[in-house]
Amino acid sequence: MSDYCWCLATPAIEELIREHDELIELTALARAAYRCGDIEALVECCIAITTVLGPHIEVEERGLFPPMAVEFPEKIAILSGEHRRIEAVLAGATDGTANTDPAWPARVIDMLTLMRRHIVKEQEGLFPAALTVLTSDQWELLAELREGRNLIVS
């Protein structure tokens, strides 16, 4: 993210960036587990990533993506699709795939690369653009989603 970006002065975006930082740290741990051939540790890392990513995606897809899709429909569709691809691989940590599919660990590494590129797209493009697109009511919705006050789909 650009040093001059006001994103960090916006609490909703600052929190999403903090989560991105946490995801990047977990990615490093997952890659280390993969390099060591420690599938159990890789599974644990994927579960930890899912724990951070679940609420993160909820805030993005229910609060940030809808207003941004009005101006940038193709880009938001790509980001949403990437969320689905990331979630599908992470699901393998808990649905038994990690224990039965020898190709799963390599898919995790590919997914981690996708997730890193996804984070860059959001931090370098989506978040700065949101500063000019979202209204005060839309920022309030992001805050409510973050606080868990607006988690029922309307």
N, C-alpha and C. Protein backbone atom coordinates (compact mmCIF):
# COMPACT_ATOMS: atom_id res chain seq x y z
N MET A 1 0.84 -1.17 0.00
CA MET A 1 0.00 0.00 0.00
C MET A 1 0.88 1.23 0.00
N SER A 2 0.47 2.22 -0.70
CA SER A 2 1.22 3.47 -0.80
C SER A 2 1.29 4.14 0.56
N ASP A 3 2.43 4.73 0.86
CA ASP A 3 2.60 5.42 2.13
C ASP A 3 1.68 6.62 2.25
N TYR A 4 1.31 7.21 1.14
CA TYR A 4 0.48 8.40 1.17
C TYR A 4 -1.02 8.09 1.21
N CYS A 5 -1.37 6.84 1.17
CA CYS A 5 -2.78 6.45 1.16
C CYS A 5 -3.41 6.72 2.53
N TRP A 6 -4.62 7.25 2.48
CA TRP A 6 -5.35 7.55 3.71
C TRP A 6 -6.06 6.32 4.27
N CYS A 7 -5.83 5.17 3.67
CA CYS A 7 -6.53 3.97 4.11
C CYS A 7 -6.30 3.67 5.59
N LEU A 8 -5.09 3.87 6.06
CA LEU A 8 -4.80 3.56 7.45
C LEU A 8 -5.47 4.51 8.41
N ALA A 9 -5.95 5.64 7.91
CA ALA A 9 -6.69 6.58 8.76
C ALA A 9 -8.17 6.23 8.80
N THR A 10 -8.56 5.20 8.10
CA THR A 10 -9.96 4.76 8.05
C THR A 10 -10.05 3.45 8.84
N PRO A 11 -10.72 3.47 10.00
CA PRO A 11 -10.71 2.29 10.87
C PRO A 11 -11.13 0.98 10.20
N ALA A 12 -12.16 1.00 9.37
CA ALA A 12 -12.62 -0.24 8.73
C ALA A 12 -11.54 -0.82 7.82
N ILE A 13 -10.88 0.04 7.08
CA ILE A 13 -9.81 -0.42 6.18
C ILE A 13 -8.57 -0.79 6.98
N GLU A 14 -8.28 -0.03 8.00
CA GLU A 14 -7.12 -0.35 8.85
C GLU A 14 -7.24 -1.76 9.42
N GLU A 15 -8.45 -2.13 9.84
CA GLU A 15 -8.67 -3.47 10.39
C GLU A 15 -8.51 -4.54 9.32
N LEU A 16 -9.01 -4.29 8.12
CA LEU A 16 -8.83 -5.25 7.02
C LEU A 16 -7.34 -5.42 6.71
N ILE A 17 -6.59 -4.33 6.75
CA ILE A 17 -5.15 -4.39 6.50
C ILE A 17 -4.45 -5.17 7.62
N ARG A 18 -4.86 -4.94 8.86
CA ARG A 18 -4.28 -5.69 9.98
C ARG A 18 -4.51 -7.19 9.78
N GLU A 19 -5.71 -7.55 9.33
CA GLU A 19 -5.99 -8.96 9.06
C GLU A 19 -5.13 -9.48 7.91
N HIS A 20 -4.94 -8.67 6.89
CA HIS A 20 -4.04 -9.07 5.80
C HIS A 20 -2.65 -9.37 6.35
N ASP A 21 -2.16 -8.51 7.23
CA ASP A 21 -0.84 -8.73 7.83
C ASP A 21 -0.80 -10.05 8.59
N GLU A 22 -1.86 -10.34 9.32
CA GLU A 22 -1.93 -11.60 10.05
C GLU A 22 -1.95 -12.79 9.09
N LEU A 23 -2.70 -12.65 8.01
CA LEU A 23 -2.75 -13.72 7.00
C LEU A 23 -1.38 -13.95 6.37
N ILE A 24 -0.65 -12.89 6.11
CA ILE A 24 0.68 -13.03 5.54
C ILE A 24 1.61 -13.77 6.50
N GLU A 25 1.51 -13.47 7.79
CA GLU A 25 2.32 -14.19 8.79
C GLU A 25 1.96 -15.67 8.81
N LEU A 26 0.66 -15.97 8.77
CA LEU A 26 0.22 -17.37 8.76
C LEU A 26 0.66 -18.07 7.48
N THR A 27 0.69 -17.34 6.38
CA THR A 27 1.16 -17.89 5.11
C THR A 27 2.61 -18.34 5.23
N ALA A 28 3.43 -17.53 5.89
CA ALA A 28 4.84 -17.90 6.07
C ALA A 28 4.95 -19.19 6.89
N LEU A 29 4.14 -19.32 7.92
CA LEU A 29 4.16 -20.54 8.73
C LEU A 29 3.70 -21.75 7.91
N ALA A 30 2.68 -21.55 7.09
CA ALA A 30 2.18 -22.64 6.25
C ALA A 30 3.24 -23.08 5.25
N ARG A 31 3.92 -22.13 4.64
CA ARG A 31 4.97 -22.48 3.68
C ARG A 31 6.10 -23.24 4.37
N ALA A 32 6.44 -22.83 5.58
CA ALA A 32 7.49 -23.54 6.33
C ALA A 32 7.05 -24.98 6.64
N ALA A 33 5.80 -25.15 7.02
CA ALA A 33 5.28 -26.49 7.30
C ALA A 33 5.33 -27.35 6.04
N TYR A 34 4.98 -26.77 4.91
CA TYR A 34 5.01 -27.49 3.64
C TYR A 34 6.44 -27.93 3.31
N ARG A 35 7.38 -26.99 3.46
CA ARG A 35 8.78 -27.31 3.15
C ARG A 35 9.31 -28.45 4.02
N CYS A 36 8.82 -28.52 5.26
CA CYS A 36 9.25 -29.58 6.18
C CYS A 36 8.46 -30.88 5.99
N GLY A 37 7.45 -30.82 5.14
CA GLY A 37 6.60 -32.00 4.93
C GLY A 37 5.69 -32.28 6.11
N ASP A 38 5.44 -31.29 6.94
CA ASP A 38 4.61 -31.44 8.14
C ASP A 38 3.16 -31.12 7.79
N ILE A 39 2.44 -32.13 7.33
CA ILE A 39 1.05 -31.93 6.89
C ILE A 39 0.17 -31.53 8.07
N GLU A 40 0.43 -32.07 9.24
CA GLU A 40 -0.37 -31.70 10.42
C GLU A 40 -0.23 -30.20 10.72
N ALA A 41 0.98 -29.68 10.66
CA ALA A 41 1.19 -28.24 10.89
C ALA A 41 0.56 -27.43 9.76
N LEU A 42 0.63 -27.95 8.54
CA LEU A 42 0.02 -27.25 7.41
C LEU A 42 -1.50 -27.17 7.60
N VAL A 43 -2.10 -28.25 8.06
CA VAL A 43 -3.54 -28.25 8.34
C VAL A 43 -3.85 -27.22 9.42
N GLU A 44 -3.06 -27.19 10.47
CA GLU A 44 -3.28 -26.22 11.56
C GLU A 44 -3.17 -24.79 11.04
N CYS A 45 -2.21 -24.54 10.18
CA CYS A 45 -2.06 -23.20 9.59
C CYS A 45 -3.28 -22.84 8.75
N CYS A 46 -3.78 -23.79 7.98
CA CYS A 46 -4.96 -23.54 7.15
C CYS A 46 -6.19 -23.26 8.00
N ILE A 47 -6.31 -23.96 9.11
CA ILE A 47 -7.43 -23.70 10.02
C ILE A 47 -7.30 -22.30 10.62
N ALA A 48 -6.08 -21.92 10.99
CA ALA A 48 -5.85 -20.57 11.53
C ALA A 48 -6.14 -19.50 10.47
N ILE A 49 -5.75 -19.76 9.24
CA ILE A 49 -6.04 -18.82 8.15
C ILE A 49 -7.55 -18.68 7.98
N THR A 50 -8.27 -19.80 8.02
CA THR A 50 -9.72 -19.77 7.88
C THR A 50 -10.37 -18.97 9.00
N THR A 51 -9.84 -19.09 10.20
CA THR A 51 -10.38 -18.36 11.35
C THR A 51 -10.29 -16.85 11.14
N VAL A 52 -9.21 -16.39 10.57
CA VAL A 52 -9.04 -14.96 10.28
C VAL A 52 -9.84 -14.58 9.04
N LEU A 53 -9.78 -15.42 8.03
CA LEU A 53 -10.34 -15.09 6.73
C LEU A 53 -11.87 -15.07 6.70
N GLY A 54 -12.51 -15.95 7.47
CA GLY A 54 -13.97 -16.02 7.45
C GLY A 54 -14.64 -14.68 7.74
N PRO A 55 -14.39 -14.09 8.90
CA PRO A 55 -15.00 -12.78 9.19
C PRO A 55 -14.50 -11.68 8.26
N HIS A 56 -13.26 -11.78 7.84
CA HIS A 56 -12.68 -10.80 6.92
C HIS A 56 -13.46 -10.77 5.61
N ILE A 57 -13.71 -11.96 5.05
CA ILE A 57 -14.46 -12.06 3.81
C ILE A 57 -15.89 -11.57 4.01
N GLU A 58 -16.48 -11.88 5.15
CA GLU A 58 -17.84 -11.43 5.45
C GLU A 58 -17.93 -9.91 5.37
N VAL A 59 -16.99 -9.22 5.99
CA VAL A 59 -16.99 -7.76 5.97
C VAL A 59 -16.78 -7.24 4.55
N GLU A 60 -15.85 -7.83 3.83
CA GLU A 60 -15.59 -7.38 2.47
C GLU A 60 -16.80 -7.61 1.56
N GLU A 61 -17.33 -8.83 1.59
CA GLU A 61 -18.37 -9.18 0.62
C GLU A 61 -19.73 -8.60 0.96
N ARG A 62 -19.99 -8.33 2.21
CA ARG A 62 -21.29 -7.76 2.57
C ARG A 62 -21.24 -6.25 2.70
N GLY A 63 -20.07 -5.70 3.01
CA GLY A 63 -19.99 -4.27 3.23
C GLY A 63 -19.22 -3.50 2.19
N LEU A 64 -18.10 -4.03 1.75
CA LEU A 64 -17.22 -3.30 0.84
C LEU A 64 -17.51 -3.59 -0.63
N PHE A 65 -17.69 -4.86 -0.97
CA PHE A 65 -17.85 -5.23 -2.37
C PHE A 65 -19.12 -4.68 -3.03
N PRO A 66 -20.28 -4.73 -2.37
CA PRO A 66 -21.49 -4.26 -3.08
C PRO A 66 -21.39 -2.83 -3.62
N PRO A 67 -20.99 -1.85 -2.81
CA PRO A 67 -20.91 -0.51 -3.40
C PRO A 67 -19.78 -0.38 -4.43
N MET A 68 -18.71 -1.13 -4.24
CA MET A 68 -17.59 -1.06 -5.18
C MET A 68 -17.95 -1.73 -6.50
N ALA A 69 -18.85 -2.71 -6.47
CA ALA A 69 -19.25 -3.42 -7.69
C ALA A 69 -20.01 -2.51 -8.64
N VAL A 70 -20.61 -1.46 -8.12
CA VAL A 70 -21.32 -0.53 -8.99
C VAL A 70 -20.34 0.14 -9.95
N GLU A 71 -19.19 0.53 -9.43
CA GLU A 71 -18.18 1.21 -10.26
C GLU A 71 -17.19 0.26 -10.92
N PHE A 72 -16.93 -0.87 -10.27
CA PHE A 72 -15.89 -1.79 -10.75
C PHE A 72 -16.41 -3.23 -10.76
N PRO A 73 -17.46 -3.53 -11.54
CA PRO A 73 -18.07 -4.86 -11.46
C PRO A 73 -17.13 -6.00 -11.82
N GLU A 74 -16.31 -5.83 -12.84
CA GLU A 74 -15.41 -6.92 -13.24
C GLU A 74 -14.36 -7.19 -12.18
N LYS A 75 -13.80 -6.15 -11.62
CA LYS A 75 -12.76 -6.33 -10.60
C LYS A 75 -13.32 -6.97 -9.34
N ILE A 76 -14.52 -6.58 -8.95
CA ILE A 76 -15.14 -7.17 -7.76
C ILE A 76 -15.50 -8.63 -8.03
N ALA A 77 -15.94 -8.93 -9.22
CA ALA A 77 -16.25 -10.33 -9.58
C ALA A 77 -14.99 -11.19 -9.48
N ILE A 78 -13.87 -10.65 -9.92
CA ILE A 78 -12.60 -11.38 -9.83
C ILE A 78 -12.23 -11.61 -8.38
N LEU A 79 -12.32 -10.57 -7.54
CA LEU A 79 -11.97 -10.70 -6.13
C LEU A 79 -12.89 -11.71 -5.43
N SER A 80 -14.18 -11.67 -5.74
CA SER A 80 -15.11 -12.64 -5.15
C SER A 80 -14.77 -14.06 -5.59
N GLY A 81 -14.45 -14.23 -6.85
CA GLY A 81 -14.06 -15.54 -7.35
C GLY A 81 -12.80 -16.06 -6.67
N GLU A 82 -11.87 -15.16 -6.43
CA GLU A 82 -10.66 -15.57 -5.72
C GLU A 82 -10.98 -15.99 -4.30
N HIS A 83 -11.91 -15.30 -3.65
CA HIS A 83 -12.33 -15.73 -2.31
C HIS A 83 -12.83 -17.16 -2.34
N ARG A 84 -13.67 -17.49 -3.33
CA ARG A 84 -14.22 -18.85 -3.43
C ARG A 84 -13.10 -19.88 -3.64
N ARG A 85 -12.14 -19.54 -4.51
CA ARG A 85 -11.04 -20.48 -4.77
C ARG A 85 -10.20 -20.70 -3.52
N ILE A 86 -9.93 -19.64 -2.78
CA ILE A 86 -9.15 -19.74 -1.54
C ILE A 86 -9.91 -20.58 -0.52
N GLU A 87 -11.19 -20.28 -0.34
CA GLU A 87 -12.00 -21.03 0.63
C GLU A 87 -12.08 -22.51 0.28
N ALA A 88 -12.17 -22.82 -1.00
CA ALA A 88 -12.28 -24.22 -1.43
C ALA A 88 -11.05 -25.02 -1.03
N VAL A 89 -9.88 -24.45 -1.20
CA VAL A 89 -8.65 -25.16 -0.83
C VAL A 89 -8.55 -25.26 0.69
N LEU A 90 -8.85 -24.17 1.38
CA LEU A 90 -8.78 -24.19 2.85
C LEU A 90 -9.73 -25.22 3.46
N ALA A 91 -10.86 -25.44 2.81
CA ALA A 91 -11.82 -26.42 3.31
C ALA A 91 -11.20 -27.80 3.43
N GLY A 92 -10.20 -28.08 2.62
CA GLY A 92 -9.53 -29.37 2.67
C GLY A 92 -8.86 -29.67 3.99
N ALA A 93 -8.61 -28.65 4.79
CA ALA A 93 -7.99 -28.85 6.10
C ALA A 93 -8.95 -29.52 7.07
N THR A 94 -10.25 -29.35 6.86
CA THR A 94 -11.22 -29.88 7.82
C THR A 94 -12.18 -30.91 7.23
N ASP A 95 -12.20 -31.05 5.92
CA ASP A 95 -13.17 -31.99 5.33
C ASP A 95 -12.56 -33.36 5.01
N GLY A 96 -11.34 -33.58 5.43
CA GLY A 96 -10.69 -34.86 5.20
C GLY A 96 -9.77 -34.90 4.00
N THR A 97 -9.86 -33.90 3.13
CA THR A 97 -9.03 -33.88 1.93
C THR A 97 -7.54 -33.93 2.26
N ALA A 98 -7.14 -33.22 3.30
CA ALA A 98 -5.72 -33.17 3.67
C ALA A 98 -5.17 -34.55 3.98
N ASN A 99 -6.02 -35.42 4.49
CA ASN A 99 -5.60 -36.78 4.87
C ASN A 99 -5.71 -37.79 3.74
N THR A 100 -6.46 -37.45 2.69
CA THR A 100 -6.71 -38.44 1.64
C THR A 100 -6.17 -38.06 0.28
N ASP A 101 -5.83 -36.79 0.08
CA ASP A 101 -5.39 -36.33 -1.24
C ASP A 101 -3.94 -35.87 -1.17
N PRO A 102 -3.02 -36.64 -1.72
CA PRO A 102 -1.61 -36.26 -1.64
C PRO A 102 -1.28 -34.97 -2.41
N ALA A 103 -2.17 -34.53 -3.28
CA ALA A 103 -1.93 -33.29 -4.04
C ALA A 103 -2.40 -32.05 -3.27
N TRP A 104 -3.14 -32.25 -2.18
CA TRP A 104 -3.68 -31.10 -1.44
C TRP A 104 -2.59 -30.13 -0.96
N PRO A 105 -1.49 -30.61 -0.37
CA PRO A 105 -0.49 -29.64 0.09
C PRO A 105 0.03 -28.72 -1.02
N ALA A 106 0.23 -29.25 -2.21
CA ALA A 106 0.68 -28.40 -3.33
C ALA A 106 -0.40 -27.39 -3.71
N ARG A 107 -1.66 -27.80 -3.63
CA ARG A 107 -2.75 -26.85 -3.91
C ARG A 107 -2.78 -25.74 -2.86
N VAL A 108 -2.44 -26.08 -1.62
CA VAL A 108 -2.36 -25.06 -0.57
C VAL A 108 -1.31 -24.02 -0.94
N ILE A 109 -0.16 -24.46 -1.41
CA ILE A 109 0.90 -23.51 -1.78
C ILE A 109 0.44 -22.62 -2.92
N ASP A 110 -0.21 -23.19 -3.91
CA ASP A 110 -0.76 -22.37 -5.01
C ASP A 110 -1.78 -21.37 -4.47
N MET A 111 -2.63 -21.82 -3.54
CA MET A 111 -3.64 -20.95 -2.95
C MET A 111 -2.99 -19.82 -2.16
N LEU A 112 -1.91 -20.11 -1.45
CA LEU A 112 -1.22 -19.08 -0.68
C LEU A 112 -0.65 -18.00 -1.60
N THR A 113 -0.17 -18.42 -2.76
CA THR A 113 0.31 -17.45 -3.75
C THR A 113 -0.84 -16.61 -4.27
N LEU A 114 -1.96 -17.25 -4.57
CA LEU A 114 -3.15 -16.51 -5.00
C LEU A 114 -3.58 -15.53 -3.91
N MET A 115 -3.60 -15.97 -2.67
CA MET A 115 -4.03 -15.10 -1.58
C MET A 115 -3.12 -13.88 -1.45
N ARG A 116 -1.83 -14.07 -1.61
CA ARG A 116 -0.89 -12.94 -1.51
C ARG A 116 -1.17 -11.94 -2.64
N ARG A 117 -1.37 -12.43 -3.84
CA ARG A 117 -1.67 -11.53 -4.96
C ARG A 117 -3.01 -10.83 -4.75
N HIS A 118 -3.96 -11.55 -4.19
CA HIS A 118 -5.28 -11.00 -3.87
C HIS A 118 -5.14 -9.85 -2.87
N ILE A 119 -4.35 -10.05 -1.86
CA ILE A 119 -4.13 -9.01 -0.85
C ILE A 119 -3.54 -7.76 -1.49
N VAL A 120 -2.59 -7.93 -2.38
CA VAL A 120 -1.99 -6.77 -3.07
C VAL A 120 -3.06 -6.03 -3.87
N LYS A 121 -3.91 -6.77 -4.58
CA LYS A 121 -4.98 -6.12 -5.36
C LYS A 121 -5.87 -5.28 -4.47
N GLU A 122 -6.21 -5.83 -3.32
CA GLU A 122 -7.09 -5.08 -2.41
C GLU A 122 -6.38 -3.86 -1.83
N GLN A 123 -5.18 -4.05 -1.38
CA GLN A 123 -4.49 -2.95 -0.71
C GLN A 123 -4.00 -1.86 -1.66
N GLU A 124 -3.67 -2.24 -2.86
CA GLU A 124 -3.17 -1.25 -3.82
C GLU A 124 -4.27 -0.65 -4.70
N GLY A 125 -5.40 -1.35 -4.81
CA GLY A 125 -6.46 -0.87 -5.69
C GLY A 125 -7.78 -0.65 -4.99
N LEU A 126 -8.33 -1.73 -4.43
CA LEU A 126 -9.66 -1.67 -3.86
C LEU A 126 -9.78 -0.70 -2.69
N PHE A 127 -8.89 -0.82 -1.72
CA PHE A 127 -9.02 0.01 -0.52
C PHE A 127 -8.86 1.50 -0.83
N PRO A 128 -7.83 1.90 -1.59
CA PRO A 128 -7.76 3.33 -1.93
C PRO A 128 -8.98 3.81 -2.72
N ALA A 129 -9.49 2.97 -3.63
CA ALA A 129 -10.66 3.37 -4.40
C ALA A 129 -11.89 3.50 -3.51
N ALA A 130 -11.99 2.66 -2.50
CA ALA A 130 -13.14 2.71 -1.59
C ALA A 130 -13.23 4.06 -0.89
N LEU A 131 -12.10 4.69 -0.66
CA LEU A 131 -12.11 6.00 0.00
C LEU A 131 -12.87 7.04 -0.80
N THR A 132 -12.92 6.86 -2.10
CA THR A 132 -13.62 7.84 -2.95
C THR A 132 -15.03 7.40 -3.31
N VAL A 133 -15.35 6.11 -3.12
CA VAL A 133 -16.64 5.57 -3.57
C VAL A 133 -17.65 5.46 -2.43
N LEU A 134 -17.24 4.95 -1.29
CA LEU A 134 -18.19 4.66 -0.22
C LEU A 134 -18.74 5.92 0.44
N THR A 135 -20.03 5.85 0.76
CA THR A 135 -20.68 6.94 1.49
C THR A 135 -20.50 6.72 2.99
N SER A 136 -20.88 7.70 3.77
CA SER A 136 -20.76 7.55 5.23
C SER A 136 -21.64 6.40 5.73
N ASP A 137 -22.82 6.20 5.13
CA ASP A 137 -23.68 5.08 5.52
C ASP A 137 -23.02 3.74 5.21
N GLN A 138 -22.32 3.68 4.10
CA GLN A 138 -21.64 2.43 3.73
C GLN A 138 -20.46 2.16 4.67
N TRP A 139 -19.76 3.20 5.08
CA TRP A 139 -18.69 3.02 6.06
C TRP A 139 -19.28 2.54 7.39
N GLU A 140 -20.44 3.07 7.76
CA GLU A 140 -21.12 2.65 8.99
C GLU A 140 -21.49 1.16 8.91
N LEU A 141 -21.96 0.71 7.75
CA LEU A 141 -22.27 -0.70 7.57
C LEU A 141 -21.02 -1.56 7.78
N LEU A 142 -19.90 -1.11 7.26
CA LEU A 142 -18.65 -1.85 7.47
C LEU A 142 -18.35 -1.97 8.96
N ALA A 143 -18.52 -0.87 9.68
CA ALA A 143 -18.27 -0.88 11.13
C ALA A 143 -19.23 -1.83 11.84
N GLU A 144 -20.50 -1.82 11.43
CA GLU A 144 -21.49 -2.71 12.04
C GLU A 144 -21.17 -4.17 11.75
N LEU A 145 -20.77 -4.45 10.54
CA LEU A 145 -20.38 -5.82 10.19
C LEU A 145 -19.19 -6.26 11.03
N ARG A 146 -18.24 -5.37 11.19
CA ARG A 146 -17.04 -5.68 11.97
C ARG A 146 -17.43 -5.99 13.42
N GLU A 147 -18.39 -5.24 13.94
CA GLU A 147 -18.80 -5.43 15.33
C GLU A 147 -19.80 -6.58 15.48
N GLY A 148 -20.23 -7.17 14.36
CA GLY A 148 -21.14 -8.28 14.40
C GLY A 148 -22.59 -7.90 14.63
N ARG A 149 -22.90 -6.64 14.45
CA ARG A 149 -24.26 -6.18 14.68
C ARG A 149 -25.15 -6.35 13.46
N ASN A 150 -24.59 -6.67 12.32
CA ASN A 150 -25.36 -6.71 11.09
C ASN A 150 -25.02 -7.97 10.30
N LEU A 151 -25.06 -9.10 10.96
CA LEU A 151 -24.64 -10.33 10.31
C LEU A 151 -25.78 -11.14 9.73
N ILE A 152 -27.00 -10.68 9.88
CA ILE A 152 -28.13 -11.35 9.27
C ILE A 152 -28.28 -10.82 7.84
N VAL A 153 -28.28 -11.73 6.88
CA VAL A 153 -28.39 -11.32 5.48
C VAL A 153 -29.78 -10.72 5.25
N SER A 154 -29.79 -9.53 4.66
CA SER A 154 -31.07 -8.88 4.40
C SER A 154 -31.46 -9.01 2.96
